[in-house]
Amino acid sequence: MNSDKNLPLVTPDSSVRAAVQAIDEHGQGIVLVVDGQGQLLGTVTDGDVRRAMLAGVALDAQVAVLLERQGEQEHDRPYPLTAPQSTPADELVATMRRYKVRQIPLIDDGGAPVALALLDDLVSLEERSVRAVVMAGGYGTRLGPLTADTPKPMLPVGDRPLLEQIVGQLRDAGIHRVQLTTHYRAGEIAQHFGDGSEFGVQISYVDEDTPLGTAGSLALIEPGDEPVLVMNGDIVTRIDFAAMHSFHEEHSADMTVALTVYETKVAYGVAELDGVLIRGLREKPLVRAFANAGVYLLSPDVCGLVPRGERYDMTSLIERLIADGRRVVGFPIREYWLDIGDLETYEQAQRDAGR
């Protein structure tokens, strides 16, 4: 629990970018919005920022825009959700679980925030555990001679193999059970990691006799009661896995798909049409979209929907969930992300690692 001397505070006229910086610096997933007298006006969470990103809100916009967005939404809880500073810990935990939040500002009798209660401080790690599956079986043919004798996920990025960096990130996020799906040069990966004890995790392996696509191997993992984080083994990212887990729970999602902003400039003038009529032309516009980033968080039962022993891609699983009326939500990445797909992006990863 943080005291008022170390609270993440912003004002309504602060930029969203400043709010993001405060969220990252304090590491609590939230900032408190106060007026000139220090009274609490509202809160902005990491999830609020990411939802605003999906809606096209710019980082240079004011925090007031996020408060306005919250005011337009229907709330199933008091807003801002607060508690008196004397509230017992068990009541705080019950309130957080009831409203699916991970933080509650504690206020004094005058309505000023004096502390911040965090669910992470009040429950054990085991109660919010996640296991991970990393897809590490690709051939990496577009990397040419680099993968002739080395599995793509074992290529060095900076001073360590990429897959070792991924395992370290999972460990640092509190994820200690990791399953690696392998195919190409699987023995080299197993020899490097062993049972994972030297890397602070428990590692097991699923060796695909034939490639099963981006989701097929999920049918081979042991069923469990915890969410499953699935990610491609050729991604360099600083994504906040804990924030993704919170987002997944907050939205009662069956699957959460990490999304990265993709921009491309159209090389031609683009016609704006109204039926057969041309209403205007945009010369070489910049098109912006959210692309699949190759990181997914699945509720426990979703893996059971994957057919066993046949090739099956994540796109097919997503389409099935949507067709069945299940909740598939997008989690926009605001952190560093790079897919190592070819020599150009591999060289970019090496340059970025040296910064």
Protein backbone atom coordinates (compact mmCIF):
# COMPACT_ATOMS: atom_id res chain seq x y z
CA MET A 1 0.00 0.00 0.00
CA ASN A 2 1.47 3.36 -1.05
CA SER A 3 1.20 6.47 1.09
CA ASP A 4 0.32 9.93 -0.19
CA LYS A 5 4.03 10.74 -0.53
CA ASN A 6 4.39 8.30 -3.38
CA LEU A 7 1.03 8.38 -5.13
CA PRO A 8 0.87 8.54 -8.94
CA LEU A 9 -0.96 11.84 -9.43
CA VAL A 10 -1.97 13.76 -12.56
CA THR A 11 -4.40 16.58 -13.27
CA PRO A 12 -7.15 16.74 -15.90
CA ASP A 13 -5.02 18.96 -18.14
CA SER A 14 -2.07 16.54 -18.04
CA SER A 15 -1.48 14.67 -21.30
CA VAL A 16 -2.36 11.02 -21.71
CA ARG A 17 1.34 10.53 -22.45
CA ALA A 18 2.19 11.96 -19.01
CA ALA A 19 -0.34 9.60 -17.43
CA VAL A 20 1.30 6.65 -19.22
CA GLN A 21 4.71 7.74 -17.94
CA ALA A 22 3.37 7.94 -14.38
CA ILE A 23 1.75 4.50 -14.72
CA ASP A 24 5.05 3.02 -15.90
CA GLU A 25 7.22 4.83 -13.35
CA HIS A 26 5.10 3.82 -10.36
CA GLY A 27 4.37 0.32 -11.66
CA GLN A 28 0.87 0.17 -10.17
CA GLY A 29 -1.25 0.22 -13.31
CA ILE A 30 -3.11 3.40 -12.34
CA VAL A 31 -2.87 7.16 -11.87
CA LEU A 32 -5.11 9.28 -9.66
CA VAL A 33 -6.58 12.42 -11.20
CA VAL A 34 -6.82 15.29 -8.72
CA ASP A 35 -7.87 18.93 -8.87
CA GLY A 36 -5.89 21.94 -7.66
CA GLN A 37 -6.93 21.31 -4.06
CA GLY A 38 -5.81 17.67 -4.18
CA GLN A 39 -9.35 16.26 -4.26
CA LEU A 40 -9.81 13.04 -6.20
CA LEU A 41 -11.70 13.54 -9.47
CA GLY A 42 -11.20 10.10 -10.98
CA THR A 43 -8.71 7.44 -11.92
CA VAL A 44 -7.04 6.35 -15.15
CA THR A 45 -5.82 2.76 -15.35
CA ASP A 46 -3.54 1.06 -17.82
CA GLY A 47 -6.67 -0.57 -19.23
CA ASP A 48 -8.35 2.84 -19.69
CA VAL A 49 -5.36 4.00 -21.74
CA ARG A 50 -5.40 0.89 -23.93
CA ARG A 51 -9.15 1.15 -24.53
CA ALA A 52 -8.62 4.78 -25.53
CA MET A 53 -5.91 3.67 -27.96
CA LEU A 54 -8.39 1.30 -29.62
CA ALA A 55 -10.80 4.24 -29.93
CA GLY A 56 -8.15 6.40 -31.62
CA VAL A 57 -7.44 8.78 -28.73
CA ALA A 58 -3.98 10.34 -29.20
CA LEU A 59 -1.36 10.25 -26.46
CA ASP A 60 -1.13 14.05 -26.70
CA ALA A 61 -4.79 14.42 -25.71
CA GLN A 62 -5.61 15.61 -22.19
CA VAL A 63 -6.47 13.24 -19.37
CA ALA A 64 -9.80 15.08 -19.23
CA VAL A 65 -10.71 13.26 -22.47
CA LEU A 66 -10.33 9.92 -20.70
CA LEU A 67 -12.46 11.12 -17.79
CA GLU A 68 -15.14 12.23 -20.27
CA ARG A 69 -15.06 8.80 -21.91
CA GLN A 70 -15.56 7.17 -18.53
CA GLY A 71 -18.46 9.51 -17.78
CA GLU A 72 -20.19 8.41 -20.99
CA GLN A 73 -19.97 4.75 -20.02
CA GLU A 74 -22.46 2.85 -17.91
CA HIS A 75 -20.80 1.84 -14.65
CA ASP A 76 -21.72 -1.20 -12.57
CA ARG A 77 -19.77 0.28 -9.68
CA PRO A 78 -19.33 3.63 -7.92
CA TYR A 79 -17.07 6.01 -9.85
CA PRO A 80 -14.48 6.77 -8.84
CA LEU A 81 -14.32 3.60 -6.79
CA THR A 82 -12.73 4.48 -3.43
CA ALA A 83 -12.61 3.28 0.15
CA PRO A 84 -11.96 4.97 3.51
CA GLN A 85 -8.34 4.71 4.56
CA SER A 86 -9.33 2.58 7.57
CA THR A 87 -10.95 -0.19 5.46
CA PRO A 88 -9.72 -3.69 6.49
CA ALA A 89 -7.68 -5.64 3.96
CA ASP A 90 -10.25 -8.43 3.56
CA GLU A 91 -12.94 -5.90 2.65
CA LEU A 92 -10.63 -4.29 0.10
CA VAL A 93 -9.93 -7.66 -1.53
CA ALA A 94 -13.65 -8.50 -1.62
CA THR A 95 -14.45 -5.15 -3.25
CA MET A 96 -11.71 -5.55 -5.86
CA ARG A 97 -12.90 -9.01 -6.78
CA ARG A 98 -16.53 -7.91 -6.91
CA TYR A 99 -15.79 -5.10 -9.36
CA LYS A 100 -12.85 -6.80 -11.13
CA VAL A 101 -10.30 -4.10 -10.33
CA ARG A 102 -6.78 -4.38 -9.00
CA GLN A 103 -6.44 -1.01 -7.27
CA ILE A 104 -8.57 1.12 -4.95
CA PRO A 105 -7.63 4.66 -3.85
CA LEU A 106 -8.00 5.18 -0.12
CA ILE A 107 -9.31 8.60 0.84
CA ASP A 108 -9.50 10.70 3.99
CA ASP A 109 -12.65 12.30 5.38
CA GLY A 110 -12.21 15.26 3.04
CA GLY A 111 -12.07 13.15 -0.13
CA ALA A 112 -8.34 13.50 -0.75
CA PRO A 113 -6.37 10.36 -1.68
CA VAL A 114 -3.93 9.29 1.02
CA ALA A 115 -2.94 5.78 -0.10
CA LEU A 116 -3.45 3.22 -2.83
CA ALA A 117 -4.49 -0.36 -2.07
CA LEU A 118 -3.19 -2.92 -4.57
CA LEU A 119 -4.59 -6.41 -5.04
CA ASP A 120 -1.07 -7.65 -5.82
CA ASP A 121 -0.05 -6.67 -2.28
CA LEU A 122 -3.03 -8.38 -0.67
CA VAL A 123 -3.19 -11.80 -2.37
CA SER A 124 -0.57 -14.46 -3.01
CA LEU A 125 0.92 -15.01 -6.46
CA GLU A 126 -0.54 -18.51 -6.66
CA GLU A 127 -4.07 -17.09 -6.66
CA ARG A 128 -3.43 -15.27 -9.94
CA SER A 129 -1.09 -17.72 -11.67
CA VAL A 130 -0.71 -18.03 -15.43
CA ARG A 131 1.19 -20.64 -17.41
CA ALA A 132 2.87 -19.95 -20.73
CA VAL A 133 3.21 -21.77 -24.03
CA VAL A 134 5.90 -20.47 -26.40
CA MET A 135 5.76 -21.58 -30.03
CA ALA A 136 9.37 -22.35 -30.89
CA GLY A 137 9.14 -24.85 -33.74
CA GLY A 138 9.44 -22.65 -36.83
CA TYR A 139 12.06 -23.13 -39.55
CA GLY A 140 12.88 -19.45 -40.05
CA THR A 141 13.50 -19.95 -43.77
CA ARG A 142 13.30 -16.21 -44.52
CA LEU A 143 16.42 -15.70 -42.40
CA GLY A 144 18.46 -17.68 -44.91
CA PRO A 145 21.80 -19.10 -43.71
CA LEU A 146 21.31 -17.83 -40.14
CA THR A 147 18.87 -20.66 -39.38
CA ALA A 148 20.62 -23.40 -41.36
CA ASP A 149 22.22 -24.71 -38.17
CA THR A 150 20.34 -22.75 -35.50
CA PRO A 151 16.64 -22.76 -34.57
CA LYS A 152 15.15 -19.34 -35.20
CA PRO A 153 14.20 -18.73 -31.52
CA MET A 154 17.81 -19.47 -30.51
CA LEU A 155 19.31 -16.72 -32.66
CA PRO A 156 21.17 -14.23 -30.48
CA VAL A 157 19.58 -10.83 -29.92
CA GLY A 158 22.08 -8.76 -28.02
CA ASP A 159 23.98 -11.04 -25.68
CA ARG A 160 21.41 -13.85 -25.33
CA PRO A 161 19.28 -16.11 -27.52
CA LEU A 162 15.85 -14.64 -28.21
CA LEU A 163 14.04 -17.54 -26.54
CA GLU A 164 16.14 -17.11 -23.40
CA GLN A 165 15.06 -13.47 -23.24
CA ILE A 166 11.41 -14.51 -23.57
CA VAL A 167 11.77 -17.07 -20.77
CA GLY A 168 13.39 -14.42 -18.58
CA GLN A 169 10.55 -11.97 -19.21
CA LEU A 170 7.98 -14.60 -18.29
CA ARG A 171 9.87 -15.41 -15.08
CA ASP A 172 10.13 -11.73 -14.16
CA ALA A 173 6.36 -11.39 -14.69
CA GLY A 174 5.75 -14.16 -12.16
CA ILE A 175 5.06 -16.87 -14.75
CA HIS A 176 7.11 -19.91 -13.73
CA ARG A 177 5.56 -22.76 -15.72
CA VAL A 178 6.59 -22.62 -19.36
CA GLN A 179 5.93 -25.11 -22.13
CA LEU A 180 7.95 -24.91 -25.33
CA THR A 181 6.49 -26.36 -28.52
CA THR A 182 9.33 -27.46 -30.78
CA HIS A 183 9.94 -29.08 -34.16
CA TYR A 184 12.96 -27.80 -36.11
CA ARG A 185 16.21 -28.71 -34.30
CA ALA A 186 14.20 -29.40 -31.15
CA GLY A 187 17.13 -31.13 -29.44
CA GLU A 188 19.22 -27.95 -29.40
CA ILE A 189 16.47 -26.04 -27.62
CA ALA A 190 15.97 -28.81 -25.04
CA GLN A 191 19.70 -29.09 -24.46
CA HIS A 192 20.00 -25.35 -23.80
CA PHE A 193 17.09 -25.03 -21.38
CA GLY A 194 16.81 -28.47 -19.79
CA ASP A 195 14.09 -28.47 -17.16
CA GLY A 196 14.37 -24.69 -16.80
CA SER A 197 15.78 -24.74 -13.26
CA GLU A 198 18.87 -22.75 -14.29
CA PHE A 199 16.56 -20.04 -15.64
CA GLY A 200 14.23 -19.87 -12.65
CA VAL A 201 11.27 -21.60 -14.32
CA GLN A 202 9.83 -25.07 -14.90
CA ILE A 203 10.09 -26.00 -18.58
CA SER A 204 8.43 -28.89 -20.38
CA TYR A 205 8.30 -29.63 -24.09
CA VAL A 206 5.83 -30.60 -26.78
CA ASP A 207 7.72 -31.83 -29.83
CA GLU A 208 5.58 -31.67 -32.97
CA ASP A 209 6.31 -34.59 -35.30
CA THR A 210 4.82 -32.50 -38.09
CA PRO A 211 4.14 -28.74 -37.87
CA LEU A 212 0.70 -28.16 -36.36
CA GLY A 213 0.27 -24.49 -37.16
CA THR A 214 0.10 -21.60 -34.74
CA ALA A 215 -2.47 -23.24 -32.43
CA GLY A 216 -2.45 -27.00 -33.14
CA SER A 217 -0.03 -27.85 -30.36
CA LEU A 218 -2.44 -26.42 -27.76
CA ALA A 219 -4.42 -29.66 -28.07
CA LEU A 220 -1.37 -31.51 -26.73
CA ILE A 221 -0.82 -29.57 -23.51
CA GLU A 222 -2.18 -30.85 -20.23
CA PRO A 223 -5.49 -29.26 -19.19
CA GLY A 224 -5.41 -26.94 -16.19
CA ASP A 225 -7.41 -24.38 -14.27
CA GLU A 226 -5.26 -21.34 -15.01
CA PRO A 227 -5.19 -19.00 -18.01
CA VAL A 228 -2.67 -19.85 -20.74
CA LEU A 229 -0.40 -17.20 -22.22
CA VAL A 230 0.55 -18.20 -25.77
CA MET A 231 3.19 -16.36 -27.75
CA ASN A 232 5.29 -16.82 -30.83
CA GLY A 233 8.93 -17.57 -30.16
CA ASP A 234 10.24 -15.02 -32.66
CA ILE A 235 8.94 -11.85 -31.01
CA VAL A 236 11.00 -9.23 -29.22
CA THR A 237 8.74 -7.23 -26.94
CA ARG A 238 8.51 -5.49 -23.59
CA ILE A 239 4.79 -6.10 -23.28
CA ASP A 240 3.46 -5.97 -19.72
CA PHE A 241 2.12 -9.50 -19.21
CA ALA A 242 0.60 -8.59 -15.84
CA ALA A 243 -1.33 -5.72 -17.44
CA MET A 244 -2.55 -8.08 -20.16
CA HIS A 245 -3.75 -10.54 -17.51
CA SER A 246 -5.59 -7.76 -15.66
CA PHE A 247 -7.18 -6.60 -18.93
CA HIS A 248 -8.27 -10.17 -19.67
CA GLU A 249 -9.93 -10.54 -16.27
CA GLU A 250 -11.48 -7.08 -16.32
CA HIS A 251 -13.27 -7.84 -19.59
CA SER A 252 -14.25 -11.42 -18.64
CA ALA A 253 -12.57 -12.49 -21.87
CA ASP A 254 -12.31 -15.99 -23.28
CA MET A 255 -9.33 -14.86 -25.34
CA THR A 256 -7.32 -11.65 -25.28
CA VAL A 257 -5.31 -10.89 -28.42
CA ALA A 258 -2.35 -8.50 -28.24
CA LEU A 259 -2.50 -5.94 -31.04
CA THR A 260 0.21 -3.73 -32.47
CA VAL A 261 -0.34 -0.55 -34.45
CA TYR A 262 0.53 -1.05 -38.11
CA GLU A 263 0.87 1.91 -40.44
CA THR A 264 1.46 1.91 -44.17
CA LYS A 265 1.40 4.65 -46.76
CA VAL A 266 -0.72 3.96 -49.82
CA ALA A 267 1.31 4.73 -52.94
CA TYR A 268 -1.66 6.14 -54.85
CA GLY A 269 -4.46 8.64 -54.49
CA VAL A 270 -7.43 6.96 -52.79
CA ALA A 271 -10.97 7.70 -53.94
CA GLU A 272 -13.65 8.43 -51.36
CA LEU A 273 -16.84 6.93 -52.79
CA ASP A 274 -20.55 7.42 -52.22
CA GLY A 275 -22.04 4.68 -54.36
CA VAL A 276 -20.72 5.37 -57.85
CA LEU A 277 -19.94 9.01 -57.07
CA ILE A 278 -16.44 10.13 -56.15
CA ARG A 279 -16.73 12.62 -53.28
CA GLY A 280 -13.02 13.28 -52.97
CA LEU A 281 -9.48 12.03 -53.35
CA ARG A 282 -6.87 11.51 -50.64
CA GLU A 283 -3.38 11.62 -52.03
CA LYS A 284 -1.15 8.82 -50.69
CA PRO A 285 -2.90 8.54 -47.32
CA LEU A 286 -1.40 6.91 -44.24
CA VAL A 287 -3.51 3.90 -43.29
CA ARG A 288 -3.45 2.87 -39.63
CA ALA A 289 -4.75 -0.43 -38.28
CA PHE A 290 -4.30 -2.81 -35.37
CA ALA A 291 -2.49 -6.01 -36.35
CA ASN A 292 -2.23 -9.36 -34.57
CA ALA A 293 0.96 -9.26 -32.47
CA GLY A 294 1.30 -13.01 -31.88
CA VAL A 295 0.62 -12.94 -28.12
CA TYR A 296 -2.60 -14.37 -26.71
CA LEU A 297 -4.14 -15.03 -23.31
CA LEU A 298 -6.64 -17.90 -23.25
CA SER A 299 -9.10 -18.94 -20.60
CA PRO A 300 -8.44 -22.53 -19.45
CA ASP A 301 -11.16 -24.28 -21.45
CA VAL A 302 -10.27 -22.68 -24.80
CA CYS A 303 -7.38 -25.07 -25.46
CA GLY A 304 -9.89 -27.92 -25.45
CA LEU A 305 -11.50 -26.49 -28.60
CA VAL A 306 -8.38 -27.14 -30.67
CA PRO A 307 -8.66 -30.38 -32.73
CA ARG A 308 -6.03 -32.92 -31.79
CA GLY A 309 -3.38 -34.11 -34.23
CA GLU A 310 -4.09 -31.75 -37.11
CA ARG A 311 -2.83 -28.42 -38.34
CA TYR A 312 -4.79 -25.58 -36.80
CA ASP A 313 -4.01 -21.88 -36.76
CA MET A 314 -4.81 -19.24 -34.17
CA THR A 315 -6.96 -17.37 -36.69
CA SER A 316 -9.23 -20.43 -36.93
CA LEU A 317 -9.50 -20.61 -33.15
CA ILE A 318 -10.37 -16.92 -32.94
CA GLU A 319 -13.01 -17.30 -35.65
CA ARG A 320 -14.53 -20.28 -33.85
CA LEU A 321 -14.75 -18.39 -30.57
CA ILE A 322 -16.41 -15.44 -32.28
CA ALA A 323 -18.87 -17.73 -34.10
CA ASP A 324 -19.74 -19.37 -30.76
CA GLY A 325 -20.46 -15.99 -29.18
CA ARG A 326 -17.43 -16.12 -26.89
CA ARG A 327 -15.63 -12.94 -25.81
CA VAL A 328 -12.48 -12.16 -27.81
CA VAL A 329 -10.96 -8.78 -26.87
CA GLY A 330 -8.08 -6.75 -28.24
CA PHE A 331 -5.21 -5.58 -26.02
CA PRO A 332 -3.23 -2.82 -27.78
CA ILE A 333 0.52 -2.87 -27.16
CA ARG A 334 2.01 0.50 -26.26
CA GLU A 335 5.37 -1.07 -25.39
CA TYR A 336 8.20 -2.10 -27.70
CA TRP A 337 7.34 -4.91 -30.13
CA LEU A 338 9.13 -6.43 -33.11
CA ASP A 339 8.44 -9.58 -35.08
CA ILE A 340 11.67 -11.12 -36.38
CA GLY A 341 10.46 -12.34 -39.73
CA ASP A 342 13.38 -11.72 -42.03
CA LEU A 343 16.96 -10.47 -42.16
CA GLU A 344 15.89 -6.83 -42.09
CA THR A 345 13.87 -7.16 -38.88
CA TYR A 346 16.57 -9.34 -37.29
CA GLU A 347 19.14 -6.61 -37.96
CA GLN A 348 16.68 -4.07 -36.50
CA ALA A 349 16.38 -6.19 -33.34
CA GLN A 350 20.16 -6.25 -33.01
CA ARG A 351 20.37 -2.48 -33.36
CA ASP A 352 17.60 -1.96 -30.80
CA ALA A 353 19.27 -4.34 -28.36
CA GLY A 354 22.42 -2.21 -28.44
CA ARG A 355 20.62 0.95 -27.36
